[in-house]
C-alpha atoms as a PDB file:
ATOM      1  CA  MET A   1      66.639  -2.819 -15.690  1.00  0.00           C
ATOM      2  CA  ASP A   2      63.260  -1.449 -16.476  1.00  0.00           C
ATOM      3  CA  ILE A   3      60.083  -2.295 -13.330  1.00  0.00           C
ATOM      4  CA  ALA A   4      56.869  -2.121 -14.618  1.00  0.00           C
ATOM      5  CA  HIS A   5      53.834  -3.706 -14.372  1.00  0.00           C
ATOM      6  CA  ALA A   6      53.265  -7.074 -16.634  1.00  0.00           C
ATOM      7  CA  ARG A   7      51.222  -7.373 -19.884  1.00  0.00           C
ATOM      8  CA  PRO A   8      48.969  -9.985 -21.171  1.00  0.00           C
ATOM      9  CA  GLY A   9      52.095 -10.562 -23.543  1.00  0.00           C
ATOM     10  CA  ASP A  10      53.714 -11.703 -21.030  1.00  0.00           C
ATOM     11  CA  VAL A  11      51.653 -14.125 -19.112  1.00  0.00           C
ATOM     12  CA  GLY A  12      53.567 -17.300 -20.984  1.00  0.00           C
ATOM     13  CA  ALA A  13      57.005 -16.315 -19.796  1.00  0.00           C
ATOM     14  CA  VAL A  14      56.156 -15.162 -16.304  1.00  0.00           C
ATOM     15  CA  ALA A  15      54.171 -18.416 -15.310  1.00  0.00           C
ATOM     16  CA  ARG A  16      57.353 -20.485 -16.765  1.00  0.00           C
ATOM     17  CA  LEU A  17      59.848 -17.839 -14.970  1.00  0.00           C
ATOM     18  CA  VAL A  18      58.004 -18.282 -11.595  1.00  0.00           C
ATOM     19  CA  ASN A  19      57.418 -21.816 -11.815  1.00  0.00           C
ATOM     20  CA  GLU A  20      61.424 -22.531 -12.509  1.00  0.00           C
ATOM     21  CA  ALA A  21      62.459 -20.243  -9.885  1.00  0.00           C
ATOM     22  CA  TYR A  22      59.995 -21.777  -7.619  1.00  0.00           C
ATOM     23  CA  ALA A  23      60.990 -25.579  -8.561  1.00  0.00           C
ATOM     24  CA  ALA A  24      64.697 -25.224  -7.162  1.00  0.00           C
ATOM     25  CA  GLY A  25      63.714 -22.787  -4.077  1.00  0.00           C
ATOM     26  CA  GLU A  26      61.402 -25.190  -3.126  1.00  0.00           C
ATOM     27  CA  GLU A  27      62.603 -28.473  -3.632  1.00  0.00           C
ATOM     28  CA  GLY A  28      61.372 -31.118  -1.638  1.00  0.00           C
ATOM     29  CA  LEU A  29      58.260 -29.399   0.362  1.00  0.00           C
ATOM     30  CA  TRP A  30      56.162 -30.052  -2.525  1.00  0.00           C
ATOM     31  CA  VAL A  31      55.125 -33.290  -4.408  1.00  0.00           C
ATOM     32  CA  ALA A  32      56.538 -33.547  -7.448  1.00  0.00           C
ATOM     33  CA  GLY A  33      55.672 -31.997 -10.306  1.00  0.00           C
ATOM     34  CA  THR A  34      53.878 -29.045  -8.267  1.00  0.00           C
ATOM     35  CA  ALA A  35      53.607 -26.301 -10.490  1.00  0.00           C
ATOM     36  CA  ARG A  36      53.878 -22.807  -8.526  1.00  0.00           C
ATOM     37  CA  THR A  37      51.444 -21.300 -10.895  1.00  0.00           C
ATOM     38  CA  ASP A  38      50.107 -21.934 -14.096  1.00  0.00           C
ATOM     39  CA  ALA A  39      49.359 -19.317 -17.501  1.00  0.00           C
ATOM     40  CA  ALA A  40      45.035 -18.718 -16.003  1.00  0.00           C
ATOM     41  CA  GLU A  41      45.590 -17.753 -12.512  1.00  0.00           C
ATOM     42  CA  VAL A  42      49.012 -15.098 -14.028  1.00  0.00           C
ATOM     43  CA  ALA A  43      46.485 -13.754 -16.454  1.00  0.00           C
ATOM     44  CA  LEU A  44      44.081 -13.058 -14.042  1.00  0.00           C
ATOM     45  CA  LEU A  45      47.362 -11.339 -11.847  1.00  0.00           C
ATOM     46  CA  VAL A  46      48.255  -8.891 -14.993  1.00  0.00           C
ATOM     47  CA  GLU A  47      44.527  -8.129 -15.397  1.00  0.00           C
ATOM     48  CA  ALA A  48      44.243  -7.025 -12.003  1.00  0.00           C
ATOM     49  CA  GLY A  49      47.374  -4.901 -11.929  1.00  0.00           C
ATOM     50  CA  GLU A  50      49.029  -6.683  -9.278  1.00  0.00           C
ATOM     51  CA  LEU A  51      52.269  -8.452 -11.083  1.00  0.00           C
ATOM     52  CA  LEU A  52      55.467  -6.359 -11.691  1.00  0.00           C
ATOM     53  CA  VAL A  53      58.410  -7.060 -13.852  1.00  0.00           C
ATOM     54  CA  ALA A  54      61.855  -6.201 -14.273  1.00  0.00           C
ATOM     55  CA  ARG A  55      62.969  -6.355 -17.665  1.00  0.00           C
ATOM     56  CA  ASP A  56      66.715  -6.490 -19.109  1.00  0.00           C
ATOM     57  CA  ASP A  57      66.024  -4.721 -22.725  1.00  0.00           C
ATOM     58  CA  ASN A  58      62.848  -7.223 -23.438  1.00  0.00           C
ATOM     59  CA  ARG A  59      63.598 -10.280 -21.673  1.00  0.00           C
ATOM     60  CA  ILE A  60      62.009 -10.728 -18.219  1.00  0.00           C
ATOM     61  CA  ALA A  61      64.396 -11.055 -15.257  1.00  0.00           C
ATOM     62  CA  GLY A  62      62.461 -11.052 -12.481  1.00  0.00           C
ATOM     63  CA  VAL A  63      58.794 -10.881 -11.199  1.00  0.00           C
ATOM     64  CA  VAL A  64      56.262 -10.120  -8.034  1.00  0.00           C
ATOM     65  CA  ARG A  65      53.324  -9.739  -6.983  1.00  0.00           C
ATOM     66  CA  VAL A  66      51.687  -6.674  -4.927  1.00  0.00           C
ATOM     67  CA  ARG A  67      48.756  -6.168  -3.727  1.00  0.00           C
ATOM     68  CA  ARG A  68      46.822  -4.172  -0.612  1.00  0.00           C
ATOM     69  CA  LEU A  69      45.935  -6.481   2.377  1.00  0.00           C
ATOM     70  CA  PRO A  70      42.067  -6.250   3.634  1.00  0.00           C
ATOM     71  CA  GLY A  71      44.062  -5.078   6.754  1.00  0.00           C
ATOM     72  CA  GLY A  72      45.173  -2.524   4.984  1.00  0.00           C
ATOM     73  CA  GLU A  73      48.300  -3.645   5.042  1.00  0.00           C
ATOM     74  CA  GLY A  74      50.761  -3.958   1.313  1.00  0.00           C
ATOM     75  CA  GLU A  75      51.731  -7.313   0.773  1.00  0.00           C
ATOM     76  CA  PHE A  76      54.362  -8.591  -1.900  1.00  0.00           C
ATOM     77  CA  GLY A  77      54.895 -12.258  -3.062  1.00  0.00           C
ATOM     78  CA  MET A  78      55.387 -14.600  -5.674  1.00  0.00           C
ATOM     79  CA  LEU A  79      59.097 -12.828  -6.022  1.00  0.00           C
ATOM     80  CA  ALA A  80      61.263 -14.921  -8.368  1.00  0.00           C
ATOM     81  CA  THR A  81      64.357 -13.840 -10.403  1.00  0.00           C
ATOM     82  CA  ALA A  82      65.372 -15.665 -14.029  1.00  0.00           C
ATOM     83  CA  GLY A  83      67.929 -17.948 -13.233  1.00  0.00           C
ATOM     84  CA  ARG A  84      70.642 -16.391 -15.385  1.00  0.00           C
ATOM     85  CA  ASP A  85      70.129 -12.882 -13.170  1.00  0.00           C
ATOM     86  CA  ARG A  86      70.066 -14.225  -9.405  1.00  0.00           C
ATOM     87  CA  GLY A  87      72.446 -12.580  -7.249  1.00  0.00           C
ATOM     88  CA  ALA A  88      72.462  -9.364  -9.612  1.00  0.00           C
ATOM     89  CA  GLY A  89      70.635  -7.507  -7.617  1.00  0.00           C
ATOM     90  CA  VAL A  90      67.354  -8.054  -9.252  1.00  0.00           C
ATOM     91  CA  GLY A  91      64.692  -9.295  -6.187  1.00  0.00           C
ATOM     92  CA  ARG A  92      66.091  -6.562  -3.831  1.00  0.00           C
ATOM     93  CA  ASP A  93      65.054  -3.926  -7.005  1.00  0.00           C
ATOM     94  CA  LEU A  94      61.846  -5.603  -6.931  1.00  0.00           C
ATOM     95  CA  VAL A  95      61.154  -5.526  -3.235  1.00  0.00           C
ATOM     96  CA  GLY A  96      62.218  -2.083  -3.488  1.00  0.00           C
ATOM     97  CA  TYR A  97      59.953  -0.768  -6.285  1.00  0.00           C
ATOM     98  CA  ALA A  98      57.070  -3.072  -4.477  1.00  0.00           C
ATOM     99  CA  GLU A  99      57.742  -1.334  -1.160  1.00  0.00           C
ATOM    100  CA  LYS A 100      57.428   1.941  -3.211  1.00  0.00           C
ATOM    101  CA  TRP A 101      54.241   0.748  -4.378  1.00  0.00           C
ATOM    102  CA  ALA A 102      52.591   0.340  -1.075  1.00  0.00           C
ATOM    103  CA  ARG A 103      53.852   3.938   0.161  1.00  0.00           C
ATOM    104  CA  ASP A 104      52.758   5.536  -3.034  1.00  0.00           C
ATOM    105  CA  ALA A 105      49.212   3.636  -2.012  1.00  0.00           C
ATOM    106  CA  GLY A 106      49.345   4.864   1.693  1.00  0.00           C
ATOM    107  CA  LEU A 107      50.331   2.330   3.429  1.00  0.00           C
ATOM    108  CA  GLY A 108      52.096   1.886   5.713  1.00  0.00           C
ATOM    109  CA  THR A 109      53.694  -1.387   6.590  1.00  0.00           C
ATOM    110  CA  MET A 110      54.492  -4.178   3.676  1.00  0.00           C
ATOM    111  CA  GLN A 111      53.341  -7.979   4.419  1.00  0.00           C
ATOM    112  CA  LEU A 112      55.578 -11.119   2.868  1.00  0.00           C
ATOM    113  CA  GLU A 113      54.935 -14.914   3.628  1.00  0.00           C
ATOM    114  CA  LEU A 114      57.602 -17.282   3.800  1.00  0.00           C
ATOM    115  CA  LEU A 115      57.040 -21.142   3.368  1.00  0.00           C
ATOM    116  CA  VAL A 116      58.983 -23.170   5.482  1.00  0.00           C
ATOM    117  CA  PRO A 117      58.843 -26.750   6.312  1.00  0.00           C
ATOM    118  CA  ARG A 118      58.109 -27.925  10.329  1.00  0.00           C
ATOM    119  CA  SER A 119      60.642 -30.322  10.859  1.00  0.00           C
ATOM    120  CA  TRP A 120      63.830 -29.586   9.068  1.00  0.00           C
ATOM    121  CA  ARG A 121      65.644 -26.550   7.975  1.00  0.00           C
ATOM    122  CA  HIS A 122      65.634 -25.829   4.108  1.00  0.00           C
ATOM    123  CA  PRO A 123      68.720 -24.017   2.214  1.00  0.00           C
ATOM    124  CA  VAL A 124      66.749 -21.763   0.238  1.00  0.00           C
ATOM    125  CA  LYS A 125      64.322 -21.063   2.764  1.00  0.00           C
ATOM    126  CA  GLU A 126      66.851 -20.654   5.820  1.00  0.00           C
ATOM    127  CA  PHE A 127      68.623 -17.598   2.887  1.00  0.00           C
ATOM    128  CA  LEU A 128      65.536 -15.814   2.352  1.00  0.00           C
ATOM    129  CA  ARG A 129      64.224 -15.807   5.501  1.00  0.00           C
ATOM    130  CA  GLY A 130      68.331 -14.090   6.224  1.00  0.00           C
ATOM    131  CA  TRP A 131      67.714 -11.602   3.203  1.00  0.00           C
ATOM    132  CA  TYR A 132      64.709 -10.974   4.609  1.00  0.00           C
ATOM    133  CA  THR A 133      65.577  -9.421   7.456  1.00  0.00           C
ATOM    134  CA  ARG A 134      68.453  -8.111   6.183  1.00  0.00           C
ATOM    135  CA  LEU A 135      65.838  -5.503   4.605  1.00  0.00           C
ATOM    136  CA  GLY A 136      64.152  -5.363   7.801  1.00  0.00           C
ATOM    137  CA  TYR A 137      61.543  -7.122   7.459  1.00  0.00           C
ATOM    138  CA  ARG A 138      60.920  -8.813  10.625  1.00  0.00           C
ATOM    139  CA  VAL A 139      58.442 -12.178  11.771  1.00  0.00           C
ATOM    140  CA  VAL A 140      55.279 -11.399  13.378  1.00  0.00           C
ATOM    141  CA  ARG A 141      53.631 -14.745  13.219  1.00  0.00           C
ATOM    142  CA  THR A 142      53.786 -18.330  12.151  1.00  0.00           C
ATOM    143  CA  GLY A 143      50.375 -19.787  10.675  1.00  0.00           C
ATOM    144  CA  ASP A 144      50.316 -23.583   9.352  1.00  0.00           C
ATOM    145  CA  PHE A 145      50.097 -23.696   6.231  1.00  0.00           C
ATOM    146  CA  ALA A 146      47.635 -26.446   6.005  1.00  0.00           C
ATOM    147  CA  GLY A 147      44.932 -24.817   7.957  1.00  0.00           C
ATOM    148  CA  ALA A 148      45.204 -21.345   5.875  1.00  0.00           C
ATOM    149  CA  TYR A 149      45.370 -22.799   2.302  1.00  0.00           C
ATOM    150  CA  PRO A 150      44.025 -26.343   3.134  1.00  0.00           C
ATOM    151  CA  SER A 151      43.397 -26.752  -0.663  1.00  0.00           C
ATOM    152  CA  LEU A 152      46.919 -26.786  -1.368  1.00  0.00           C
ATOM    153  CA  GLU A 153      47.744 -29.226   2.101  1.00  0.00           C
ATOM    154  CA  PRO A 154      47.796 -32.752  -0.131  1.00  0.00           C
ATOM    155  CA  ARG A 155      50.203 -31.210  -2.248  1.00  0.00           C
ATOM    156  CA  LEU A 156      52.353 -30.812   0.236  1.00  0.00           C
ATOM    157  CA  ALA A 157      55.201 -33.440   0.251  1.00  0.00           C
ATOM    158  CA  THR A 158      56.318 -32.227   3.664  1.00  0.00           C
ATOM    159  CA  PRO A 159      54.546 -30.539   7.046  1.00  0.00           C
ATOM    160  CA  CYS A 160      54.611 -27.096   6.514  1.00  0.00           C
ATOM    161  CA  ASP A 161      54.085 -23.766   8.083  1.00  0.00           C
ATOM    162  CA  PHE A 162      54.198 -19.999   6.996  1.00  0.00           C
ATOM    163  CA  LEU A 163      56.287 -17.179   8.418  1.00  0.00           C
ATOM    164  CA  VAL A 164      54.407 -13.699   7.617  1.00  0.00           C
ATOM    165  CA  PHE A 165      57.246 -11.192   7.883  1.00  0.00           C
ATOM    166  CA  HIS A 166      56.363  -7.423   8.839  1.00  0.00           C
ATOM    167  CA  LYS A 167      58.312  -4.300   7.732  1.00  0.00           C
ATOM    168  CA  ALA A 168      57.401  -1.158   8.274  1.00  0.00           C
ATOM    169  CA  LEU A 169      57.428   2.017   5.405  1.00  0.00           C
END
């Protein structure tokens, strides 16, 4: 498995992979038919150098977005693996690579946000919360999704918060 920056030719495959993964992983959180991303957003992220892809030969097995936040933290998000690669360590490898990217950039903290329903437990989100905790991440605050992302709030199917996790690097 090779991890490197996404290339312009990856845009369509990355958008499909992310949307497929998030449709399954966030089922019930969004109005039916809501896509996580599109080719235009992915192209901008590729151009900005913020997307990393894991390749198995020429096939994209996973993706993660990395960026430096204004407060000086690194952040990863949009973590997704292809269906046939889930449970095979691709996500763990991408998170490890994102953390290395942040350390190499001189950043001492890595952040991630996890969208969670406010009034019920989502099995995938509960799994991810435990997984991130086992990787050394700790919840540092809870935010109101509608307040932080007002343009996305009408697309929610249920009220949601987001958990902000940090890990010292």
